[in-house]
Structure formats: C-alpha cells, structure tokens
Amino acid sequence: MYAGATAGATALVLAGCDKSDSSPGTIDVGTGDAGILNYAYALEQLEAAFYAQVRTGGYYTGTTITAAEKQIFDDLALHEAI
C-alpha cells in the first residue's frame, strides 16, 4: 500500500537533487527589465537591513557618536525603510 507513495516520494526527492546547477551560490533575479527591478529591490532591502543594524549597534548606542552623526544615520535609515 505504501510502496507506491514511497516510490513517488523518492522520485521527487531525487529529481530535486539534480547536479546540473551550472552556477552554484547565485540567485536568479530574472532577465530584462524585471531582472533589473528585482536586483534594485534586493539592494534596497540590503541597505534597509544594514541601517537597521547600525541603529542597534554599539557605536550608535555608545557615547562616542555625535548628534550630527546620529542624525545622518537616522535620516539614512528612515529613507531606506520607506
């Protein structure tokens, strides 16, 4: 009874383990205009995450940062979060 389900599941797992990936470690964002927009969106997300981490880091919360630097980081973080 379970032999057919097991054989089907095994076939699906083995099909997913195909070694024909010509460029491992890369991300396909698409081609053409959609690919460019996907790439730009990914960069914006990376920048937003970076400035969010800056605002929670030791330098930002420490005593050596000036008010002007804090304002710059705040402005950049809020701009990227939009």
N, C-alpha and C. Protein backbone atom coordinates (compact mmCIF):
# COMPACT_ATOMS: atom_id res chain seq x y z
N MET A 1 0.81 -1.18 0.00
CA MET A 1 0.00 0.00 0.00
C MET A 1 0.86 1.27 0.00
N TYR A 2 1.92 1.26 0.81
CA TYR A 2 2.77 2.43 0.89
C TYR A 2 3.92 2.40 -0.09
N ALA A 3 4.07 1.32 -0.81
CA ALA A 3 5.19 1.19 -1.75
C ALA A 3 5.08 2.22 -2.87
N GLY A 4 3.89 2.46 -3.37
CA GLY A 4 3.72 3.44 -4.44
C GLY A 4 4.00 4.86 -3.96
N ALA A 5 3.53 5.18 -2.76
CA ALA A 5 3.78 6.52 -2.21
C ALA A 5 5.26 6.71 -1.92
N THR A 6 5.92 5.67 -1.42
CA THR A 6 7.35 5.76 -1.14
C THR A 6 8.14 5.92 -2.42
N ALA A 7 7.77 5.18 -3.45
CA ALA A 7 8.47 5.28 -4.73
C ALA A 7 8.27 6.67 -5.34
N GLY A 8 7.07 7.19 -5.24
CA GLY A 8 6.80 8.53 -5.77
C GLY A 8 7.56 9.61 -5.02
N ALA A 9 7.58 9.51 -3.70
CA ALA A 9 8.31 10.49 -2.89
C ALA A 9 9.80 10.41 -3.16
N THR A 10 10.32 9.21 -3.31
CA THR A 10 11.74 9.05 -3.62
C THR A 10 12.08 9.65 -4.97
N ALA A 11 11.22 9.46 -5.95
CA ALA A 11 11.46 10.03 -7.27
C ALA A 11 11.47 11.55 -7.22
N LEU A 12 10.56 12.14 -6.45
CA LEU A 12 10.53 13.59 -6.32
C LEU A 12 11.78 14.13 -5.62
N VAL A 13 12.22 13.44 -4.59
CA VAL A 13 13.43 13.87 -3.87
C VAL A 13 14.64 13.78 -4.78
N LEU A 14 14.76 12.69 -5.51
CA LEU A 14 15.91 12.53 -6.40
C LEU A 14 15.88 13.52 -7.55
N ALA A 15 14.70 13.87 -8.02
CA ALA A 15 14.60 14.86 -9.09
C ALA A 15 15.02 16.24 -8.58
N GLY A 16 14.77 16.52 -7.32
CA GLY A 16 15.17 17.79 -6.74
C GLY A 16 16.65 17.88 -6.45
N CYS A 17 17.35 16.75 -6.47
CA CYS A 17 18.78 16.72 -6.17
C CYS A 17 19.62 16.73 -7.44
N ASP A 18 19.10 17.28 -8.50
CA ASP A 18 19.82 17.33 -9.78
C ASP A 18 21.10 18.15 -9.64
N LYS A 19 22.20 17.63 -10.16
CA LYS A 19 23.50 18.29 -10.06
C LYS A 19 23.82 19.14 -11.28
N SER A 20 22.84 19.55 -12.05
CA SER A 20 23.10 20.29 -13.27
C SER A 20 23.17 21.81 -13.04
N ASP A 21 23.25 22.26 -11.79
CA ASP A 21 23.34 23.69 -11.50
C ASP A 21 24.69 24.20 -11.98
N SER A 22 24.67 25.04 -13.01
CA SER A 22 25.92 25.49 -13.62
C SER A 22 26.61 26.58 -12.82
N SER A 23 25.88 27.27 -11.96
CA SER A 23 26.49 28.34 -11.17
C SER A 23 25.95 28.31 -9.74
N PRO A 24 26.51 27.43 -8.91
CA PRO A 24 26.02 27.33 -7.54
C PRO A 24 26.31 28.60 -6.75
N GLY A 25 25.45 28.92 -5.83
CA GLY A 25 25.63 30.09 -4.99
C GLY A 25 25.15 31.38 -5.60
N THR A 26 24.51 31.32 -6.75
CA THR A 26 23.99 32.54 -7.38
C THR A 26 22.47 32.57 -7.25
N ILE A 27 21.92 33.73 -7.40
CA ILE A 27 20.48 33.92 -7.32
C ILE A 27 19.99 34.43 -8.66
N ASP A 28 18.95 33.81 -9.16
CA ASP A 28 18.38 34.24 -10.44
C ASP A 28 17.31 35.29 -10.17
N VAL A 29 17.58 36.53 -10.57
CA VAL A 29 16.61 37.61 -10.36
C VAL A 29 15.76 37.85 -11.60
N GLY A 30 15.98 37.09 -12.62
CA GLY A 30 15.21 37.24 -13.84
C GLY A 30 16.03 37.92 -14.92
N THR A 31 15.37 38.22 -16.02
CA THR A 31 16.06 38.86 -17.14
C THR A 31 15.31 40.12 -17.55
N GLY A 32 15.98 40.95 -18.28
CA GLY A 32 15.36 42.15 -18.82
C GLY A 32 15.02 43.16 -17.73
N ASP A 33 13.97 43.93 -17.99
CA ASP A 33 13.56 44.97 -17.06
C ASP A 33 13.16 44.41 -15.70
N ALA A 34 12.47 43.29 -15.69
CA ALA A 34 12.05 42.69 -14.43
C ALA A 34 13.26 42.27 -13.60
N GLY A 35 14.29 41.74 -14.24
CA GLY A 35 15.50 41.36 -13.53
C GLY A 35 16.21 42.55 -12.93
N ILE A 36 16.25 43.65 -13.67
CA ILE A 36 16.89 44.87 -13.16
C ILE A 36 16.11 45.41 -11.96
N LEU A 37 14.80 45.41 -12.06
CA LEU A 37 13.98 45.88 -10.94
C LEU A 37 14.11 44.97 -9.72
N ASN A 38 14.16 43.66 -9.94
CA ASN A 38 14.35 42.73 -8.83
C ASN A 38 15.69 42.94 -8.15
N TYR A 39 16.74 43.18 -8.94
CA TYR A 39 18.07 43.43 -8.41
C TYR A 39 18.09 44.73 -7.60
N ALA A 40 17.48 45.78 -8.12
CA ALA A 40 17.43 47.06 -7.41
C ALA A 40 16.65 46.92 -6.10
N TYR A 41 15.56 46.16 -6.14
CA TYR A 41 14.77 45.94 -4.92
C TYR A 41 15.58 45.18 -3.88
N ALA A 42 16.33 44.16 -4.32
CA ALA A 42 17.17 43.40 -3.39
C ALA A 42 18.22 44.30 -2.75
N LEU A 43 18.81 45.21 -3.51
CA LEU A 43 19.80 46.14 -2.96
C LEU A 43 19.15 47.08 -1.94
N GLU A 44 17.96 47.55 -2.22
CA GLU A 44 17.26 48.42 -1.27
C GLU A 44 16.97 47.69 0.03
N GLN A 45 16.58 46.43 -0.07
CA GLN A 45 16.32 45.65 1.13
C GLN A 45 17.60 45.45 1.94
N LEU A 46 18.71 45.22 1.25
CA LEU A 46 20.01 45.06 1.92
C LEU A 46 20.40 46.35 2.64
N GLU A 47 20.21 47.48 1.99
CA GLU A 47 20.54 48.77 2.60
C GLU A 47 19.66 49.04 3.82
N ALA A 48 18.39 48.74 3.73
CA ALA A 48 17.48 48.95 4.86
C ALA A 48 17.90 48.08 6.04
N ALA A 49 18.26 46.84 5.78
CA ALA A 49 18.71 45.95 6.86
C ALA A 49 20.01 46.45 7.47
N PHE A 50 20.91 46.96 6.64
CA PHE A 50 22.19 47.47 7.13
C PHE A 50 21.98 48.63 8.10
N TYR A 51 21.19 49.62 7.70
CA TYR A 51 20.98 50.78 8.56
C TYR A 51 20.16 50.44 9.79
N ALA A 52 19.30 49.45 9.71
CA ALA A 52 18.58 49.00 10.91
C ALA A 52 19.56 48.40 11.91
N GLN A 53 20.55 47.65 11.41
CA GLN A 53 21.56 47.09 12.31
C GLN A 53 22.48 48.16 12.85
N VAL A 54 22.80 49.16 12.05
CA VAL A 54 23.64 50.27 12.52
C VAL A 54 22.98 50.94 13.72
N ARG A 55 21.68 51.16 13.62
CA ARG A 55 20.97 51.87 14.69
C ARG A 55 20.84 51.05 15.97
N THR A 56 21.10 49.76 15.92
CA THR A 56 21.06 48.94 17.13
C THR A 56 22.45 48.54 17.58
N GLY A 57 23.47 48.97 16.86
CA GLY A 57 24.85 48.59 17.16
C GLY A 57 25.46 49.39 18.30
N GLY A 58 26.63 48.95 18.71
CA GLY A 58 27.34 49.56 19.82
C GLY A 58 27.79 50.99 19.56
N TYR A 59 28.22 51.29 18.35
CA TYR A 59 28.67 52.65 18.05
C TYR A 59 27.52 53.64 18.14
N TYR A 60 26.39 53.27 17.59
CA TYR A 60 25.23 54.17 17.57
C TYR A 60 24.69 54.40 18.98
N THR A 61 24.69 53.38 19.79
CA THR A 61 24.15 53.50 21.15
C THR A 61 25.21 53.93 22.15
N GLY A 62 26.45 54.03 21.72
CA GLY A 62 27.54 54.41 22.62
C GLY A 62 27.64 55.90 22.84
N THR A 63 28.72 56.29 23.50
CA THR A 63 28.91 57.70 23.86
C THR A 63 29.81 58.45 22.89
N THR A 64 30.44 57.77 21.94
CA THR A 64 31.38 58.45 21.04
C THR A 64 30.72 59.05 19.81
N ILE A 65 29.50 58.70 19.52
CA ILE A 65 28.83 59.22 18.33
C ILE A 65 28.31 60.64 18.61
N THR A 66 28.46 61.50 17.64
CA THR A 66 27.97 62.87 17.80
C THR A 66 26.50 62.95 17.41
N ALA A 67 25.87 64.03 17.80
CA ALA A 67 24.46 64.23 17.46
C ALA A 67 24.27 64.36 15.95
N ALA A 68 25.24 64.97 15.28
CA ALA A 68 25.15 65.12 13.81
C ALA A 68 25.25 63.76 13.13
N GLU A 69 26.16 62.91 13.60
CA GLU A 69 26.28 61.57 13.02
C GLU A 69 25.02 60.76 13.27
N LYS A 70 24.47 60.87 14.46
CA LYS A 70 23.24 60.16 14.78
C LYS A 70 22.10 60.62 13.86
N GLN A 71 22.04 61.91 13.61
CA GLN A 71 21.00 62.44 12.72
C GLN A 71 21.17 61.91 11.30
N ILE A 72 22.41 61.82 10.84
CA ILE A 72 22.67 61.29 9.49
C ILE A 72 22.23 59.84 9.40
N PHE A 73 22.61 59.03 10.40
CA PHE A 73 22.20 57.62 10.40
C PHE A 73 20.69 57.49 10.47
N ASP A 74 20.05 58.32 11.28
CA ASP A 74 18.59 58.28 11.37
C ASP A 74 17.95 58.62 10.03
N ASP A 75 18.44 59.67 9.39
CA ASP A 75 17.89 60.07 8.09
C ASP A 75 18.07 58.97 7.05
N LEU A 76 19.26 58.38 7.00
CA LEU A 76 19.51 57.30 6.04
C LEU A 76 18.63 56.09 6.32
N ALA A 77 18.52 55.72 7.60
CA ALA A 77 17.72 54.55 7.96
C ALA A 77 16.25 54.77 7.62
N LEU A 78 15.74 55.95 7.91
CA LEU A 78 14.33 56.23 7.61
C LEU A 78 14.09 56.30 6.11
N HIS A 79 15.05 56.83 5.37
CA HIS A 79 14.92 56.87 3.91
C HIS A 79 14.89 55.47 3.31
N GLU A 80 15.76 54.60 3.81
CA GLU A 80 15.81 53.23 3.27
C GLU A 80 14.62 52.40 3.70
N ALA A 81 14.02 52.73 4.84
CA ALA A 81 12.89 51.95 5.34
C ALA A 81 11.61 52.24 4.57
N ILE A 82 11.57 53.30 3.81
CA ILE A 82 10.36 53.67 3.07
C ILE A 82 10.10 52.73 1.93
